[in-house]
């Protein structure tokens, strides 16, 4: 499929908002947009908010060049090819910015990691089912909602940290069914691991209204717990209910305080409360 045809699939013939320039779907405009594009730090806050709200993501690794005896049924010539699989994670102390993972040694992702592969964890934002309605089809369009990838490597969590910070309790709070395969179970060998984030790639939505690009890892790690808790993503709640409660990521002078609630919903933006 040619690129113009692919992009056209995202754009309906008519909508409540002016059609987007196709080149701004996956990149930022070269000149100032009519929207106030969030800063890199604000984008980092949104990403950390998504990491906090979610607990399931896609874990991607690379097959090693040579297969082990455990991979005797693996097709030939997969060396160097990527594979992405759903996996559980949790954001736990003392490093909530580095996702906690329950690694099962026999699983493909962790065999690849043991063979030297780096790991990428890919997430996207899912608005709550009870989100406020919008008359703009783009507000909750998956193409206009944030998604990002965390690139890094996995390392075992020291035993003393597992006990001190109740890693098992934190993880099972999000995934109670995982108790059956926690370390020491009778089914599979497993261990607690931490994805040490080294790079962050972010797509906040359409490029004329959201930041798209790399987030420095210092920004990612520099986001505070308070910032994560104060941030609200589109659909989490109606902004008009808490006007004046804090900083809002829109140009209030341009759109007027009285229009803030509807403008927030139309633009599909995030805010701090």
Protein backbone atom coordinates (compact mmCIF):
# COMPACT_ATOMS: atom_id res chain seq x y z
CA UNK A 1 0.00 0.00 0.00
CA UNK A 2 1.40 3.42 -0.90
CA UNK A 3 1.88 5.98 1.86
CA UNK A 4 -0.76 8.48 0.59
CA UNK A 5 -3.30 5.67 0.47
CA UNK A 6 -2.38 4.55 3.98
CA UNK A 7 -2.67 8.08 5.37
CA UNK A 8 -6.00 8.57 3.65
CA UNK A 9 -7.38 5.72 5.72
CA UNK A 10 -7.02 7.91 8.83
CA UNK A 11 -8.86 10.88 7.31
CA UNK A 12 -12.64 10.82 6.81
CA UNK A 13 -14.29 12.84 4.09
CA UNK A 14 -15.95 15.17 6.60
CA UNK A 15 -15.52 15.84 10.31
CA UNK A 16 -16.18 18.36 13.02
CA UNK A 17 -12.60 19.68 12.70
CA UNK A 18 -10.62 20.88 9.68
CA UNK A 19 -8.72 18.00 8.02
CA UNK A 20 -5.13 17.54 9.11
CA UNK A 21 -2.17 17.97 6.83
CA UNK A 22 -1.01 14.36 6.18
CA UNK A 23 2.64 15.13 6.93
CA UNK A 24 1.66 16.19 10.46
CA UNK A 25 0.20 12.81 11.38
CA UNK A 26 3.61 11.37 12.22
CA UNK A 27 5.80 14.45 12.70
CA UNK A 28 5.73 17.96 14.13
CA UNK A 29 5.10 20.92 11.78
CA UNK A 30 8.14 23.02 10.82
CA UNK A 31 6.39 26.25 11.87
CA UNK A 32 4.32 27.03 14.98
CA UNK A 33 1.04 25.12 15.08
CA UNK A 34 -2.33 26.67 15.87
CA UNK A 35 -2.28 24.29 18.85
CA UNK A 36 0.03 24.65 21.81
CA UNK A 37 2.26 21.60 21.47
CA UNK A 38 3.28 20.20 24.90
CA UNK A 39 6.93 20.52 25.87
CA UNK A 40 9.23 17.53 26.09
CA UNK A 41 8.89 17.54 29.88
CA UNK A 42 5.08 17.69 29.70
CA UNK A 43 5.20 14.80 27.23
CA UNK A 44 7.41 12.88 29.66
CA UNK A 45 4.80 13.44 32.38
CA UNK A 46 2.07 12.09 30.10
CA UNK A 47 4.19 9.03 29.29
CA UNK A 48 4.85 8.35 32.96
CA UNK A 49 1.11 8.76 33.61
CA UNK A 50 0.37 6.07 31.02
CA UNK A 51 3.01 3.80 32.54
CA UNK A 52 1.31 4.33 35.93
CA UNK A 53 -2.22 3.67 34.62
CA UNK A 54 -1.40 0.63 32.50
CA UNK A 55 0.00 -2.77 33.38
CA UNK A 56 0.02 -4.63 30.05
CA UNK A 57 2.26 -3.81 27.10
CA UNK A 58 4.09 -5.34 24.14
CA UNK A 59 7.57 -6.65 24.89
CA UNK A 60 9.83 -6.80 21.83
CA UNK A 61 13.17 -8.62 21.52
CA UNK A 62 15.49 -9.90 18.78
CA UNK A 63 16.12 -13.57 18.03
CA UNK A 64 19.78 -14.58 18.45
CA UNK A 65 21.76 -15.67 15.40
CA UNK A 66 22.13 -19.20 16.73
CA UNK A 67 19.42 -21.23 18.42
CA UNK A 68 19.78 -23.22 21.63
CA UNK A 69 18.54 -26.72 22.34
CA UNK A 70 15.40 -25.14 23.82
CA UNK A 71 14.69 -23.63 20.40
CA UNK A 72 14.85 -26.90 18.44
CA UNK A 73 11.40 -26.24 16.96
CA UNK A 74 12.26 -22.68 15.93
CA UNK A 75 12.06 -21.99 12.18
CA UNK A 76 15.37 -21.46 10.44
CA UNK A 77 16.83 -18.05 9.57
CA UNK A 78 15.11 -16.10 12.37
CA UNK A 79 18.38 -14.74 13.72
CA UNK A 80 18.19 -10.95 13.93
CA UNK A 81 14.42 -10.84 13.45
CA UNK A 82 12.28 -8.98 16.01
CA UNK A 83 9.29 -10.44 17.83
CA UNK A 84 6.74 -8.58 19.96
CA UNK A 85 4.60 -10.34 22.56
CA UNK A 86 2.10 -9.19 25.17
CA UNK A 87 3.40 -9.21 28.71
CA UNK A 88 2.57 -8.02 32.20
CA UNK A 89 4.47 -5.27 33.98
CA UNK A 90 4.01 -3.04 37.02
CA UNK A 91 5.38 0.33 38.07
CA UNK A 92 6.86 -0.40 41.50
CA UNK A 93 9.12 1.27 44.05
CA UNK A 94 11.91 2.12 44.37
CA UNK A 95 12.23 2.77 40.63
CA UNK A 96 8.70 3.35 39.25
CA UNK A 97 10.18 4.70 36.01
CA UNK A 98 11.77 1.29 35.27
CA UNK A 99 8.96 -1.25 34.77
CA UNK A 100 8.99 -4.35 36.96
CA UNK A 101 8.61 -7.58 35.00
CA UNK A 102 7.99 -11.16 36.08
CA UNK A 103 10.42 -12.99 33.80
CA UNK A 104 9.71 -16.62 32.98
CA UNK A 105 12.98 -18.17 31.89
CA UNK A 106 11.48 -20.46 29.25
CA UNK A 107 9.51 -17.66 27.53
CA UNK A 108 10.74 -16.45 24.14
CA UNK A 109 11.26 -12.83 25.22
CA UNK A 110 13.48 -13.77 28.14
CA UNK A 111 15.41 -16.44 26.23
CA UNK A 112 16.20 -13.76 23.66
CA UNK A 113 17.20 -11.33 26.43
CA UNK A 114 19.45 -13.99 27.99
CA UNK A 115 21.10 -14.39 24.58
CA UNK A 116 21.96 -10.69 24.53
CA UNK A 117 18.91 -8.97 23.08
CA UNK A 118 17.89 -5.56 24.31
CA UNK A 119 14.21 -5.07 25.13
CA UNK A 120 11.57 -2.60 24.02
CA UNK A 121 8.31 -2.16 25.93
CA UNK A 122 5.60 -0.47 23.84
CA UNK A 123 2.50 1.10 25.40
CA UNK A 124 -0.48 3.13 24.28
CA UNK A 125 -3.11 5.09 26.14
CA UNK A 126 -6.59 3.62 26.48
CA UNK A 127 -9.22 6.19 27.57
CA UNK A 128 -11.54 4.94 30.32
CA UNK A 129 -14.79 3.40 29.13
CA UNK A 130 -16.66 6.14 31.01
CA UNK A 131 -14.89 8.98 29.19
CA UNK A 132 -16.93 12.12 28.41
CA UNK A 133 -18.45 12.19 24.91
CA UNK A 134 -16.96 14.32 22.14
CA UNK A 135 -18.47 15.65 18.92
CA UNK A 136 -15.06 15.38 17.23
CA UNK A 137 -14.16 11.94 15.85
CA UNK A 138 -10.46 12.73 16.34
CA UNK A 139 -10.66 13.22 20.13
CA UNK A 140 -10.56 9.50 20.93
CA UNK A 141 -9.12 8.31 17.63
CA UNK A 142 -6.31 5.80 18.38
CA UNK A 143 -4.19 7.67 15.83
CA UNK A 144 -4.54 10.83 17.94
CA UNK A 145 -3.89 9.19 21.32
CA UNK A 146 -0.44 8.89 22.94
CA UNK A 147 1.78 5.88 22.52
CA UNK A 148 5.45 5.32 23.20
CA UNK A 149 8.26 2.80 23.47
CA UNK A 150 10.79 2.26 26.25
CA UNK A 151 14.11 0.90 25.02
CA UNK A 152 16.57 -0.69 27.41
CA UNK A 153 17.73 -3.91 28.99
CA UNK A 154 16.40 -6.18 31.70
CA UNK A 155 18.31 -6.87 34.88
CA UNK A 156 17.40 -9.06 37.88
CA UNK A 157 16.07 -7.24 40.95
CA UNK A 158 18.31 -7.99 43.95
CA UNK A 159 16.70 -10.32 46.48
CA UNK A 160 16.99 -7.76 49.26
CA UNK A 161 15.04 -5.20 47.18
CA UNK A 162 12.34 -7.76 46.36
CA UNK A 163 11.70 -8.19 50.08
CA UNK A 164 12.29 -4.60 51.19
CA UNK A 165 9.94 -3.02 48.64
CA UNK A 166 7.42 -5.88 48.46
CA UNK A 167 7.90 -6.29 44.72
CA UNK A 168 5.67 -9.37 44.68
CA UNK A 169 2.82 -7.52 46.40
CA UNK A 170 3.11 -4.55 44.05
CA UNK A 171 3.05 -6.76 40.96
CA UNK A 172 0.23 -9.02 42.15
CA UNK A 173 -1.90 -5.99 42.97
CA UNK A 174 -2.05 -5.42 39.21
CA UNK A 175 -1.93 -9.07 38.16
CA UNK A 176 -3.37 -11.37 40.85
CA UNK A 177 -3.43 -14.29 38.39
CA UNK A 178 0.36 -14.12 38.12
CA UNK A 179 0.74 -15.59 41.61
CA UNK A 180 0.82 -19.04 40.01
CA UNK A 181 4.15 -18.33 38.31
CA UNK A 182 5.99 -16.11 40.81
CA UNK A 183 9.52 -17.23 41.76
CA UNK A 184 9.52 -20.56 43.57
CA UNK A 185 6.41 -21.88 41.79
CA UNK A 186 6.17 -25.51 40.63
CA UNK A 187 5.34 -24.68 37.01
CA UNK A 188 8.21 -22.67 35.52
CA UNK A 189 11.46 -21.10 36.64
CA UNK A 190 10.90 -17.36 37.02
CA UNK A 191 12.58 -14.29 38.47
CA UNK A 192 11.86 -10.65 39.15
CA UNK A 193 13.38 -8.30 36.61
CA UNK A 194 13.48 -4.59 35.95
CA UNK A 195 13.49 -2.98 32.51
CA UNK A 196 16.20 -0.35 32.85
CA UNK A 197 15.05 2.41 30.50
CA UNK A 198 17.78 3.87 28.30
CA UNK A 199 15.77 5.60 25.57
CA UNK A 200 12.16 6.80 25.18
CA UNK A 201 10.39 7.40 21.86
CA UNK A 202 7.05 9.24 22.10
CA UNK A 203 4.15 9.90 19.74
CA UNK A 204 1.72 12.14 21.62
CA UNK A 205 -0.89 12.22 18.85
CA UNK A 206 -1.19 14.15 15.62
CA UNK A 207 1.94 16.16 14.98
CA UNK A 208 0.21 19.54 14.77
CA UNK A 209 -0.97 19.30 18.39
CA UNK A 210 1.36 16.87 20.19
CA UNK A 211 5.09 16.35 20.59
CA UNK A 212 6.57 13.54 18.50
CA UNK A 213 10.17 12.45 19.03
CA UNK A 214 12.72 11.27 21.55
CA UNK A 215 12.38 12.10 25.23
CA UNK A 216 15.78 12.33 26.96
CA UNK A 217 16.07 9.67 29.62
CA UNK A 218 16.93 12.41 32.15
CA UNK A 219 13.48 13.94 31.54
CA UNK A 220 11.87 10.51 31.89
CA UNK A 221 13.60 9.84 35.19
CA UNK A 222 13.12 13.41 36.40
CA UNK A 223 9.31 13.25 36.44
CA UNK A 224 8.07 13.28 40.03
CA UNK A 225 5.36 11.15 41.61
CA UNK A 226 3.38 14.34 42.25
CA UNK A 227 3.50 15.27 38.55
CA UNK A 228 2.27 11.81 37.58
CA UNK A 229 -0.60 11.98 40.07
CA UNK A 230 -1.64 15.50 38.99
CA UNK A 231 -1.61 14.76 35.27
CA UNK A 232 -4.89 13.91 33.55
CA UNK A 233 -5.12 12.50 30.05
CA UNK A 234 -8.01 13.07 27.69
CA UNK A 235 -11.10 11.18 28.84
CA UNK A 236 -9.96 10.67 32.44
CA UNK A 237 -12.37 13.36 33.59
CA UNK A 238 -14.08 16.47 32.29
CA UNK A 239 -11.74 19.43 32.62
CA UNK A 240 -14.66 21.83 33.10
CA UNK A 241 -15.27 20.29 36.54
CA UNK A 242 -11.98 21.61 37.92
CA UNK A 243 -11.29 24.91 36.21
CA UNK A 244 -8.65 26.88 38.06
CA UNK A 245 -7.32 23.79 39.81
CA UNK A 246 -3.87 24.09 38.28
CA UNK A 247 -1.90 24.45 35.08
CA UNK A 248 -3.70 23.51 31.88
CA UNK A 249 -1.82 22.70 28.69
CA UNK A 250 -3.77 25.01 26.40
CA UNK A 251 -3.48 28.68 25.50
CA UNK A 252 -6.06 30.22 27.82
CA UNK A 253 -5.58 33.74 26.42
CA UNK A 254 -6.31 32.50 22.92
CA UNK A 255 -9.41 30.43 23.53
CA UNK A 256 -10.86 32.12 26.60
CA UNK A 257 -11.46 30.65 30.04
CA UNK A 258 -15.17 30.19 29.36
CA UNK A 259 -14.43 27.87 26.42
CA UNK A 260 -11.80 25.81 28.19
CA UNK A 261 -13.92 22.73 28.86
CA UNK A 262 -15.18 22.22 25.31
CA UNK A 263 -11.83 23.16 23.79
CA UNK A 264 -10.08 20.56 25.91
CA UNK A 265 -12.42 17.86 24.67
CA UNK A 266 -12.12 19.02 21.05
CA UNK A 267 -8.36 19.00 21.07
CA UNK A 268 -7.90 15.76 22.97
CA UNK A 269 -5.24 17.19 25.26
CA UNK A 270 -3.75 16.40 28.65
CA UNK A 271 -3.65 18.67 31.64
CA UNK A 272 -2.35 19.04 35.17
CA UNK A 273 -4.81 19.55 38.00
